[in-house]
Amino acid sequence: MPDYSQVAAQDGYGHYAPLTGPALTAAASGTAQGTIATGSIGSGTPTLNTACTDTAGNFTVTGTAATGVVATVNFANGGPGVPKAVIVTAALASGVTQTLSAITITAAGFSVAGTATAAATTVNYVVIF
């Protein structure tokens, strides 16, 4: 059962505004709660560039030149149900934008997928519950 003790009241749009939350950790693969794991076209372990949480983060993952899942974000606590939206932006170190998006969004987390290159890709995400 998720811990909603860190969730503040709803805003005027009905979204929950998390106050704080536990930091997620990097994993080479898997679906362990509270991790950001490399996906089917990723390699190695993601590098967490900021304190990634259930609601926002920034990480770098190296992929292969293919289409598929680059990484999976597995929530530590989640929120009061399935997120209303997950906003994902991604870019290469050169500044070239990558076309990646959040897929398979559930109460347990989401995957970041699309067409990646073999270069390191920095992924930013914001989750709206």
N, C-alpha and C. Protein backbone atom coordinates (compact mmCIF):
# COMPACT_ATOMS: atom_id res chain seq x y z
N MET A 1 0.83 -1.18 0.00
CA MET A 1 0.00 0.00 0.00
C MET A 1 0.89 1.25 0.00
N PRO A 2 0.70 2.16 -0.95
CA PRO A 2 1.51 3.37 -1.00
C PRO A 2 1.33 4.23 0.24
N ASP A 3 2.37 4.98 0.59
CA ASP A 3 2.35 5.89 1.72
C ASP A 3 1.97 7.28 1.20
N TYR A 4 0.76 7.75 1.55
CA TYR A 4 0.31 9.05 1.09
C TYR A 4 0.57 10.15 2.12
N SER A 5 1.39 9.88 3.12
CA SER A 5 1.62 10.87 4.17
C SER A 5 2.35 12.10 3.64
N GLN A 6 3.02 12.00 2.49
CA GLN A 6 3.76 13.12 1.93
C GLN A 6 2.94 13.91 0.91
N VAL A 7 1.67 13.58 0.75
CA VAL A 7 0.84 14.24 -0.25
C VAL A 7 0.03 15.36 0.40
N ALA A 8 0.15 16.55 -0.15
CA ALA A 8 -0.59 17.70 0.35
C ALA A 8 -2.00 17.68 -0.24
N ALA A 9 -2.75 18.67 0.08
CA ALA A 9 -4.12 18.79 -0.44
C ALA A 9 -4.10 19.01 -1.95
N GLN A 10 -5.24 18.81 -2.56
CA GLN A 10 -5.37 19.02 -4.00
C GLN A 10 -5.31 20.50 -4.33
N ASP A 11 -4.79 20.81 -5.53
CA ASP A 11 -4.82 22.18 -5.98
C ASP A 11 -6.17 22.45 -6.64
N GLY A 12 -6.34 23.63 -7.20
CA GLY A 12 -7.61 24.01 -7.79
C GLY A 12 -8.02 23.18 -9.00
N TYR A 13 -7.07 22.44 -9.58
CA TYR A 13 -7.35 21.61 -10.74
C TYR A 13 -7.56 20.15 -10.36
N GLY A 14 -7.48 19.85 -9.07
CA GLY A 14 -7.67 18.48 -8.63
C GLY A 14 -6.40 17.65 -8.61
N HIS A 15 -5.25 18.28 -8.87
CA HIS A 15 -3.97 17.58 -8.82
C HIS A 15 -3.45 17.58 -7.40
N TYR A 16 -2.78 16.50 -7.01
CA TYR A 16 -2.16 16.44 -5.70
C TYR A 16 -0.77 17.02 -5.78
N ALA A 17 -0.40 17.79 -4.79
CA ALA A 17 0.91 18.44 -4.78
C ALA A 17 1.81 17.78 -3.73
N PRO A 18 2.68 16.87 -4.12
CA PRO A 18 3.56 16.22 -3.15
C PRO A 18 4.50 17.23 -2.51
N LEU A 19 4.75 17.06 -1.23
CA LEU A 19 5.64 17.95 -0.50
C LEU A 19 7.08 17.49 -0.67
N THR A 20 7.36 16.29 -0.28
CA THR A 20 8.69 15.70 -0.42
C THR A 20 8.48 14.22 -0.68
N GLY A 21 9.54 13.54 -0.86
CA GLY A 21 9.44 12.10 -1.06
C GLY A 21 10.80 11.48 -1.04
N PRO A 22 10.86 10.18 -0.89
CA PRO A 22 12.16 9.52 -0.88
C PRO A 22 12.82 9.58 -2.25
N ALA A 23 14.13 9.65 -2.26
CA ALA A 23 14.88 9.68 -3.51
C ALA A 23 14.89 8.29 -4.13
N LEU A 24 14.77 8.24 -5.45
CA LEU A 24 14.85 6.97 -6.18
C LEU A 24 16.33 6.63 -6.36
N THR A 25 16.62 5.36 -6.57
CA THR A 25 18.00 4.93 -6.81
C THR A 25 18.10 4.32 -8.20
N ALA A 26 19.31 4.23 -8.73
CA ALA A 26 19.55 3.68 -10.06
C ALA A 26 19.69 2.17 -9.98
N ALA A 27 19.20 1.49 -11.02
CA ALA A 27 19.33 0.03 -11.11
C ALA A 27 19.63 -0.34 -12.55
N ALA A 28 20.41 -1.40 -12.74
CA ALA A 28 20.76 -1.85 -14.09
C ALA A 28 19.56 -2.42 -14.82
N SER A 29 18.59 -2.96 -14.09
CA SER A 29 17.37 -3.49 -14.69
C SER A 29 16.38 -3.80 -13.59
N GLY A 30 15.16 -4.16 -13.98
CA GLY A 30 14.18 -4.60 -13.01
C GLY A 30 13.06 -3.64 -12.73
N THR A 31 12.20 -4.07 -11.82
CA THR A 31 11.02 -3.30 -11.46
C THR A 31 10.94 -3.06 -9.96
N ALA A 32 12.07 -3.07 -9.28
CA ALA A 32 12.08 -2.87 -7.84
C ALA A 32 11.52 -1.49 -7.49
N GLN A 33 10.68 -1.43 -6.49
CA GLN A 33 10.07 -0.19 -6.04
C GLN A 33 11.16 0.81 -5.66
N GLY A 34 10.99 2.06 -6.10
CA GLY A 34 11.93 3.11 -5.75
C GLY A 34 13.18 3.16 -6.59
N THR A 35 13.12 2.63 -7.83
CA THR A 35 14.30 2.63 -8.68
C THR A 35 14.01 3.24 -10.05
N ILE A 36 15.07 3.66 -10.71
CA ILE A 36 15.03 4.01 -12.13
C ILE A 36 15.94 2.98 -12.79
N ALA A 37 15.36 2.13 -13.62
CA ALA A 37 16.09 1.01 -14.20
C ALA A 37 16.25 1.18 -15.70
N THR A 38 17.36 0.67 -16.21
CA THR A 38 17.62 0.68 -17.65
C THR A 38 16.61 -0.23 -18.34
N GLY A 39 16.09 0.22 -19.49
CA GLY A 39 15.11 -0.56 -20.24
C GLY A 39 15.75 -1.49 -21.25
N SER A 40 14.92 -2.04 -22.12
CA SER A 40 15.37 -3.06 -23.06
C SER A 40 16.41 -2.56 -24.07
N ILE A 41 16.40 -1.27 -24.41
CA ILE A 41 17.41 -0.76 -25.35
C ILE A 41 18.45 0.09 -24.64
N GLY A 42 18.42 0.11 -23.31
CA GLY A 42 19.42 0.84 -22.55
C GLY A 42 20.59 -0.08 -22.22
N SER A 43 21.66 0.50 -21.74
CA SER A 43 22.79 -0.31 -21.32
C SER A 43 23.40 0.31 -20.07
N GLY A 44 23.93 -0.53 -19.22
CA GLY A 44 24.52 -0.05 -17.98
C GLY A 44 23.47 0.40 -16.99
N THR A 45 23.87 1.23 -16.06
CA THR A 45 22.98 1.75 -15.02
C THR A 45 22.79 3.24 -15.26
N PRO A 46 21.55 3.75 -15.15
CA PRO A 46 21.34 5.19 -15.34
C PRO A 46 22.13 6.01 -14.33
N THR A 47 22.54 7.19 -14.73
CA THR A 47 23.19 8.14 -13.83
C THR A 47 22.14 9.15 -13.40
N LEU A 48 21.88 9.24 -12.09
CA LEU A 48 20.89 10.18 -11.58
C LEU A 48 21.57 11.53 -11.40
N ASN A 49 21.10 12.53 -12.16
CA ASN A 49 21.74 13.85 -12.16
C ASN A 49 21.20 14.76 -11.07
N THR A 50 20.02 14.47 -10.56
CA THR A 50 19.41 15.24 -9.48
C THR A 50 18.81 14.23 -8.51
N ALA A 51 18.25 14.72 -7.43
CA ALA A 51 17.53 13.84 -6.51
C ALA A 51 16.20 13.47 -7.17
N CYS A 52 16.17 12.36 -7.86
CA CYS A 52 14.96 11.91 -8.55
C CYS A 52 13.95 11.40 -7.52
N THR A 53 12.70 11.80 -7.68
CA THR A 53 11.64 11.36 -6.78
C THR A 53 10.48 10.83 -7.61
N ASP A 54 9.39 10.52 -6.93
CA ASP A 54 8.20 10.05 -7.64
C ASP A 54 7.59 11.13 -8.53
N THR A 55 7.91 12.40 -8.27
CA THR A 55 7.26 13.48 -9.01
C THR A 55 8.15 14.22 -10.00
N ALA A 56 9.46 14.09 -9.91
CA ALA A 56 10.34 14.80 -10.85
C ALA A 56 11.75 14.25 -10.77
N GLY A 57 12.48 14.41 -11.86
CA GLY A 57 13.86 13.97 -11.85
C GLY A 57 14.56 14.22 -13.16
N ASN A 58 15.85 13.94 -13.15
CA ASN A 58 16.71 14.13 -14.30
C ASN A 58 17.77 13.04 -14.23
N PHE A 59 17.84 12.22 -15.27
CA PHE A 59 18.83 11.15 -15.28
C PHE A 59 19.39 10.97 -16.68
N THR A 60 20.56 10.33 -16.77
CA THR A 60 21.19 10.07 -18.06
C THR A 60 21.30 8.56 -18.24
N VAL A 61 20.96 8.11 -19.43
CA VAL A 61 21.04 6.69 -19.74
C VAL A 61 21.65 6.55 -21.14
N THR A 62 22.47 5.53 -21.32
CA THR A 62 23.03 5.25 -22.63
C THR A 62 22.24 4.12 -23.26
N GLY A 63 21.82 4.34 -24.49
CA GLY A 63 21.02 3.34 -25.17
C GLY A 63 21.72 2.78 -26.38
N THR A 64 21.00 1.99 -27.13
CA THR A 64 21.48 1.51 -28.41
C THR A 64 20.64 2.20 -29.48
N ALA A 65 21.14 2.26 -30.69
CA ALA A 65 20.40 2.91 -31.76
C ALA A 65 19.24 2.01 -32.16
N ALA A 66 18.13 2.19 -31.46
CA ALA A 66 16.97 1.34 -31.69
C ALA A 66 15.73 2.03 -31.14
N THR A 67 14.58 1.39 -31.34
CA THR A 67 13.32 1.88 -30.79
C THR A 67 12.87 0.92 -29.71
N GLY A 68 12.48 1.45 -28.58
CA GLY A 68 12.01 0.62 -27.48
C GLY A 68 12.04 1.38 -26.17
N VAL A 69 12.10 0.64 -25.06
CA VAL A 69 12.10 1.24 -23.72
C VAL A 69 13.55 1.57 -23.32
N VAL A 70 13.79 2.84 -23.03
CA VAL A 70 15.11 3.31 -22.62
C VAL A 70 15.29 3.11 -21.12
N ALA A 71 14.26 3.43 -20.34
CA ALA A 71 14.34 3.30 -18.89
C ALA A 71 12.94 3.16 -18.30
N THR A 72 12.89 2.64 -17.08
CA THR A 72 11.63 2.51 -16.36
C THR A 72 11.78 3.18 -15.00
N VAL A 73 10.83 4.06 -14.67
CA VAL A 73 10.81 4.73 -13.37
C VAL A 73 9.80 3.99 -12.51
N ASN A 74 10.28 3.39 -11.43
CA ASN A 74 9.44 2.63 -10.49
C ASN A 74 9.27 3.47 -9.23
N PHE A 75 8.05 3.97 -9.01
CA PHE A 75 7.80 4.87 -7.89
C PHE A 75 8.16 4.24 -6.54
N ALA A 76 8.60 5.10 -5.62
CA ALA A 76 8.87 4.65 -4.25
C ALA A 76 7.55 4.57 -3.48
N ASN A 77 6.76 5.65 -3.55
CA ASN A 77 5.47 5.70 -2.86
C ASN A 77 4.31 5.90 -3.81
N GLY A 78 4.57 6.52 -4.95
CA GLY A 78 3.49 6.81 -5.88
C GLY A 78 2.61 7.93 -5.38
N GLY A 79 1.40 7.94 -5.82
CA GLY A 79 0.46 8.97 -5.43
C GLY A 79 -0.90 8.34 -5.24
N PRO A 80 -1.92 9.14 -5.23
CA PRO A 80 -3.27 8.63 -5.01
C PRO A 80 -3.88 8.04 -6.28
N GLY A 81 -3.22 7.07 -6.86
CA GLY A 81 -3.71 6.44 -8.08
C GLY A 81 -2.76 6.64 -9.24
N VAL A 82 -3.27 6.41 -10.44
CA VAL A 82 -2.48 6.56 -11.66
C VAL A 82 -2.26 8.05 -11.93
N PRO A 83 -1.03 8.45 -12.29
CA PRO A 83 -0.79 9.87 -12.59
C PRO A 83 -1.70 10.37 -13.71
N LYS A 84 -2.07 11.63 -13.62
CA LYS A 84 -2.89 12.26 -14.66
C LYS A 84 -2.06 12.51 -15.91
N ALA A 85 -0.75 12.77 -15.71
CA ALA A 85 0.14 13.02 -16.84
C ALA A 85 1.58 12.81 -16.41
N VAL A 86 2.42 12.47 -17.38
CA VAL A 86 3.87 12.41 -17.17
C VAL A 86 4.49 13.16 -18.34
N ILE A 87 5.24 14.20 -18.01
CA ILE A 87 5.88 15.03 -19.03
C ILE A 87 7.34 14.60 -19.11
N VAL A 88 7.80 14.24 -20.31
CA VAL A 88 9.17 13.77 -20.52
C VAL A 88 9.82 14.61 -21.60
N THR A 89 11.03 15.09 -21.32
CA THR A 89 11.86 15.73 -22.35
C THR A 89 13.20 15.01 -22.34
N ALA A 90 13.83 14.95 -23.48
CA ALA A 90 15.10 14.23 -23.57
C ALA A 90 15.99 14.91 -24.60
N ALA A 91 17.30 14.87 -24.34
CA ALA A 91 18.26 15.47 -25.27
C ALA A 91 19.60 14.78 -25.14
N LEU A 92 20.36 14.81 -26.21
CA LEU A 92 21.73 14.31 -26.21
C LEU A 92 22.63 15.40 -25.61
N ALA A 93 23.84 15.04 -25.24
CA ALA A 93 24.79 16.00 -24.70
C ALA A 93 25.04 17.14 -25.70
N SER A 94 24.93 16.85 -26.99
CA SER A 94 25.13 17.86 -28.02
C SER A 94 24.00 18.87 -28.07
N GLY A 95 22.91 18.59 -27.32
CA GLY A 95 21.76 19.48 -27.34
C GLY A 95 20.68 19.05 -28.30
N VAL A 96 20.94 18.01 -29.09
CA VAL A 96 19.94 17.51 -30.03
C VAL A 96 18.81 16.85 -29.24
N THR A 97 17.57 17.25 -29.52
CA THR A 97 16.41 16.69 -28.82
C THR A 97 16.14 15.28 -29.29
N GLN A 98 15.78 14.42 -28.37
CA GLN A 98 15.38 13.04 -28.66
C GLN A 98 13.87 12.96 -28.55
N THR A 99 13.26 12.13 -29.36
CA THR A 99 11.82 11.95 -29.28
C THR A 99 11.53 10.74 -28.40
N LEU A 100 11.35 11.01 -27.12
CA LEU A 100 11.01 9.98 -26.15
C LEU A 100 9.74 10.41 -25.43
N SER A 101 8.99 9.45 -24.94
CA SER A 101 7.77 9.78 -24.22
C SER A 101 7.50 8.76 -23.13
N ALA A 102 6.60 9.11 -22.23
CA ALA A 102 6.20 8.19 -21.16
C ALA A 102 5.15 7.24 -21.70
N ILE A 103 5.34 5.94 -21.46
CA ILE A 103 4.36 4.94 -21.86
C ILE A 103 4.08 4.04 -20.66
N THR A 104 3.07 3.22 -20.78
CA THR A 104 2.71 2.27 -19.73
C THR A 104 2.68 2.97 -18.37
N ILE A 105 1.91 4.04 -18.26
CA ILE A 105 1.81 4.80 -17.02
C ILE A 105 0.82 4.09 -16.09
N THR A 106 1.32 3.69 -14.92
CA THR A 106 0.49 3.00 -13.93
C THR A 106 0.72 3.65 -12.56
N ALA A 107 0.02 3.17 -11.55
CA ALA A 107 0.22 3.67 -10.20
C ALA A 107 1.59 3.28 -9.66
N ALA A 108 2.24 2.30 -10.29
CA ALA A 108 3.56 1.83 -9.84
C ALA A 108 4.72 2.55 -10.52
N GLY A 109 4.46 3.26 -11.64
CA GLY A 109 5.53 3.95 -12.35
C GLY A 109 5.23 4.09 -13.83
N PHE A 110 6.26 4.31 -14.63
CA PHE A 110 6.10 4.48 -16.06
C PHE A 110 7.40 4.13 -16.76
N SER A 111 7.32 3.92 -18.07
CA SER A 111 8.50 3.66 -18.88
C SER A 111 8.73 4.85 -19.81
N VAL A 112 9.99 5.07 -20.16
CA VAL A 112 10.37 6.10 -21.12
C VAL A 112 10.80 5.36 -22.38
N ALA A 113 10.13 5.64 -23.49
CA ALA A 113 10.39 4.88 -24.71
C ALA A 113 10.42 5.79 -25.93
N GLY A 114 10.95 5.25 -27.01
CA GLY A 114 11.02 5.96 -28.28
C GLY A 114 12.21 5.47 -29.06
N THR A 115 12.69 6.28 -29.98
CA THR A 115 13.86 5.94 -30.77
C THR A 115 15.07 6.64 -30.16
N ALA A 116 16.03 5.86 -29.75
CA ALA A 116 17.22 6.41 -29.10
C ALA A 116 18.44 6.18 -29.97
N THR A 117 19.50 6.86 -29.62
CA THR A 117 20.78 6.66 -30.30
C THR A 117 21.71 5.94 -29.32
N ALA A 118 22.90 5.63 -29.77
CA ALA A 118 23.87 4.96 -28.90
C ALA A 118 24.55 5.95 -27.95
N ALA A 119 24.27 7.23 -28.13
CA ALA A 119 24.87 8.25 -27.26
C ALA A 119 24.10 8.37 -25.95
N ALA A 120 24.73 8.96 -24.95
CA ALA A 120 24.08 9.19 -23.67
C ALA A 120 22.93 10.18 -23.86
N THR A 121 21.79 9.86 -23.30
CA THR A 121 20.60 10.70 -23.40
C THR A 121 20.20 11.17 -22.01
N THR A 122 20.00 12.46 -21.85
CA THR A 122 19.53 12.99 -20.58
C THR A 122 18.02 13.12 -20.63
N VAL A 123 17.36 12.54 -19.64
CA VAL A 123 15.90 12.51 -19.58
C VAL A 123 15.43 13.34 -18.37
N ASN A 124 14.50 14.23 -18.61
CA ASN A 124 13.85 15.00 -17.54
C ASN A 124 12.40 14.53 -17.47
N TYR A 125 11.85 14.38 -16.26
CA TYR A 125 10.45 14.01 -16.14
C TYR A 125 9.78 14.74 -15.02
N VAL A 126 8.49 15.00 -15.20
CA VAL A 126 7.62 15.58 -14.18
C VAL A 126 6.35 14.76 -14.19
N VAL A 127 5.93 14.33 -13.01
CA VAL A 127 4.71 13.51 -12.86
C VAL A 127 3.64 14.35 -12.20
N ILE A 128 2.44 14.36 -12.78
CA ILE A 128 1.32 15.10 -12.22
C ILE A 128 0.25 14.10 -11.78
N PHE A 129 0.01 14.06 -10.48
CA PHE A 129 -1.01 13.14 -9.93
C PHE A 129 -2.36 13.81 -9.88
